[in-house]
Amino acid sequence: MTEPALHHTATSDPPIAGGLEIDHDIITELVQRYSDGETMESLAEQYPLSYRKVRELLHRAGVTIRPQKILLPQTPPGLVNAYHHGGTIQQLADTHGMSYNQTRRILLAEGVRLRRRGPR
């Protein structure tokens, strides 16, 4: 792949940082590739652009930015069973050395239907 066209111009388009403008074809390609599922991180690695610049260009092009995926650690053995047998999220978090929110997200990712908070 050839390097994207970055050049100084004196057009009526709003300038990009440092007076550089990004070729319209490159922006169209970024939008298409992001829409096809590529991440902003991978696009920034493939073009001479920062993550922040890729995000700005996508935003200016009217693209809805996807929420960042939260990577979860592997589910500790017995976590789901312990919850089903009455363990609280906080107890499980303490037992497995995780935060309450991380433990909760793992349970939800495993398809567990969470109990209401408070006395049972």
Protein backbone atom coordinates (compact mmCIF):
# COMPACT_ATOMS: atom_id res chain seq x y z
CA MET A 1 0.00 0.00 0.00
CA THR A 2 1.34 3.43 -0.85
CA GLU A 3 1.49 6.17 1.73
CA PRO A 4 -1.71 8.25 1.98
CA ALA A 5 -1.59 11.67 0.43
CA LEU A 6 -0.93 14.29 3.07
CA HIS A 7 -0.29 17.72 1.65
CA HIS A 8 -0.43 21.42 2.37
CA THR A 9 -3.27 23.15 0.58
CA ALA A 10 -4.99 26.49 0.50
CA THR A 11 -8.58 25.40 -0.02
CA SER A 12 -11.74 26.36 1.79
CA ASP A 13 -11.82 22.99 3.61
CA PRO A 14 -11.04 23.22 7.31
CA PRO A 15 -7.35 22.53 7.90
CA ILE A 16 -6.21 19.48 9.77
CA ALA A 17 -3.56 19.91 12.48
CA GLY A 18 -0.47 21.75 11.32
CA GLY A 19 -2.12 22.99 8.12
CA LEU A 20 -2.13 19.48 6.63
CA GLU A 21 -5.18 18.18 4.87
CA ILE A 22 -5.97 14.56 4.26
CA ASP A 23 -6.92 13.55 0.73
CA HIS A 24 -10.68 12.95 0.43
CA ASP A 25 -10.06 9.44 -0.96
CA ILE A 26 -8.09 8.55 2.17
CA ILE A 27 -10.90 9.76 4.42
CA THR A 28 -13.39 7.72 2.38
CA GLU A 29 -11.12 4.68 2.75
CA LEU A 30 -10.79 5.22 6.51
CA VAL A 31 -14.58 5.47 6.85
CA GLN A 32 -15.13 2.31 4.79
CA ARG A 33 -12.51 0.28 6.63
CA TYR A 34 -13.78 1.43 10.04
CA SER A 35 -17.35 0.60 8.97
CA ASP A 36 -16.12 -2.84 7.90
CA GLY A 37 -14.92 -3.46 11.46
CA GLU A 38 -11.30 -2.31 11.59
CA THR A 39 -10.29 -0.51 14.76
CA MET A 40 -9.02 3.03 14.97
CA GLU A 41 -5.79 1.63 16.43
CA SER A 42 -5.17 -0.55 13.36
CA LEU A 43 -6.01 2.31 10.99
CA ALA A 44 -3.57 4.61 12.81
CA GLU A 45 -0.84 1.98 12.43
CA GLN A 46 -1.47 1.67 8.67
CA TYR A 47 -1.58 5.41 7.90
CA PRO A 48 0.84 8.14 8.99
CA LEU A 49 -1.80 9.35 11.47
CA SER A 50 -2.23 9.23 15.22
CA TYR A 51 -5.14 7.43 16.86
CA ARG A 52 -6.53 10.83 17.83
CA LYS A 53 -6.33 12.08 14.22
CA VAL A 54 -8.10 8.97 12.88
CA ARG A 55 -10.84 9.47 15.46
CA GLU A 56 -11.17 13.15 14.55
CA LEU A 57 -11.40 12.39 10.82
CA LEU A 58 -14.03 9.69 11.35
CA HIS A 59 -16.01 12.00 13.61
CA ARG A 60 -15.85 14.86 11.08
CA ALA A 61 -17.05 12.43 8.40
CA GLY A 62 -20.16 11.74 10.49
CA VAL A 63 -19.21 8.22 11.55
CA THR A 64 -20.71 6.92 14.77
CA ILE A 65 -17.76 5.80 16.87
CA ARG A 66 -18.12 2.31 18.35
CA PRO A 67 -17.66 1.95 22.11
CA GLN A 68 -14.35 0.46 23.13
CA LYS A 69 -14.43 -3.23 23.86
CA ILE A 70 -13.55 -4.05 27.42
CA LEU A 71 -11.24 -7.02 27.51
CA LEU A 72 -12.11 -9.43 30.28
CA PRO A 73 -9.76 -11.93 31.83
CA GLN A 74 -10.51 -15.63 31.52
CA THR A 75 -13.35 -16.70 33.80
CA PRO A 76 -11.85 -18.18 36.97
CA PRO A 77 -12.85 -21.83 37.54
CA GLY A 78 -15.89 -22.11 39.80
CA LEU A 79 -16.88 -18.45 39.59
CA VAL A 80 -20.26 -19.02 37.95
CA ASN A 81 -21.11 -22.02 40.17
CA ALA A 82 -20.15 -20.08 43.30
CA TYR A 83 -22.49 -17.26 42.26
CA HIS A 84 -25.31 -19.72 41.51
CA HIS A 85 -24.79 -21.24 44.97
CA GLY A 86 -25.29 -17.92 46.76
CA GLY A 87 -21.94 -16.19 46.64
CA THR A 88 -22.17 -12.43 46.26
CA ILE A 89 -20.35 -10.55 43.54
CA GLN A 90 -18.19 -8.84 46.19
CA GLN A 91 -17.32 -12.16 47.85
CA LEU A 92 -16.34 -13.63 44.49
CA ALA A 93 -14.33 -10.53 43.59
CA ASP A 94 -12.42 -10.74 46.87
CA THR A 95 -11.83 -14.49 46.47
CA HIS A 96 -10.48 -14.16 42.93
CA GLY A 97 -8.57 -10.90 43.41
CA MET A 98 -10.73 -8.88 41.02
CA SER A 99 -12.79 -5.72 41.31
CA TYR A 100 -16.54 -5.83 41.85
CA ASN A 101 -17.21 -4.39 38.37
CA GLN A 102 -14.84 -6.79 36.62
CA THR A 103 -16.45 -9.77 38.38
CA ARG A 104 -19.91 -8.50 37.48
CA ARG A 105 -18.94 -8.05 33.80
CA ILE A 106 -17.50 -11.58 33.67
CA LEU A 107 -20.70 -13.05 35.11
CA LEU A 108 -22.79 -11.12 32.58
CA ALA A 109 -20.50 -12.23 29.73
CA GLU A 110 -21.03 -15.83 30.89
CA GLY A 111 -24.79 -15.33 30.56
CA VAL A 112 -25.53 -15.30 34.27
CA ARG A 113 -28.77 -13.62 35.29
CA LEU A 114 -27.81 -11.47 38.24
CA ARG A 115 -29.83 -11.44 41.44
CA ARG A 116 -31.22 -8.25 42.91
CA ARG A 117 -29.02 -6.49 45.40
CA GLY A 118 -29.84 -6.55 49.08
CA PRO A 119 -31.25 -9.16 51.46
CA ARG A 120 -32.70 -12.27 49.93
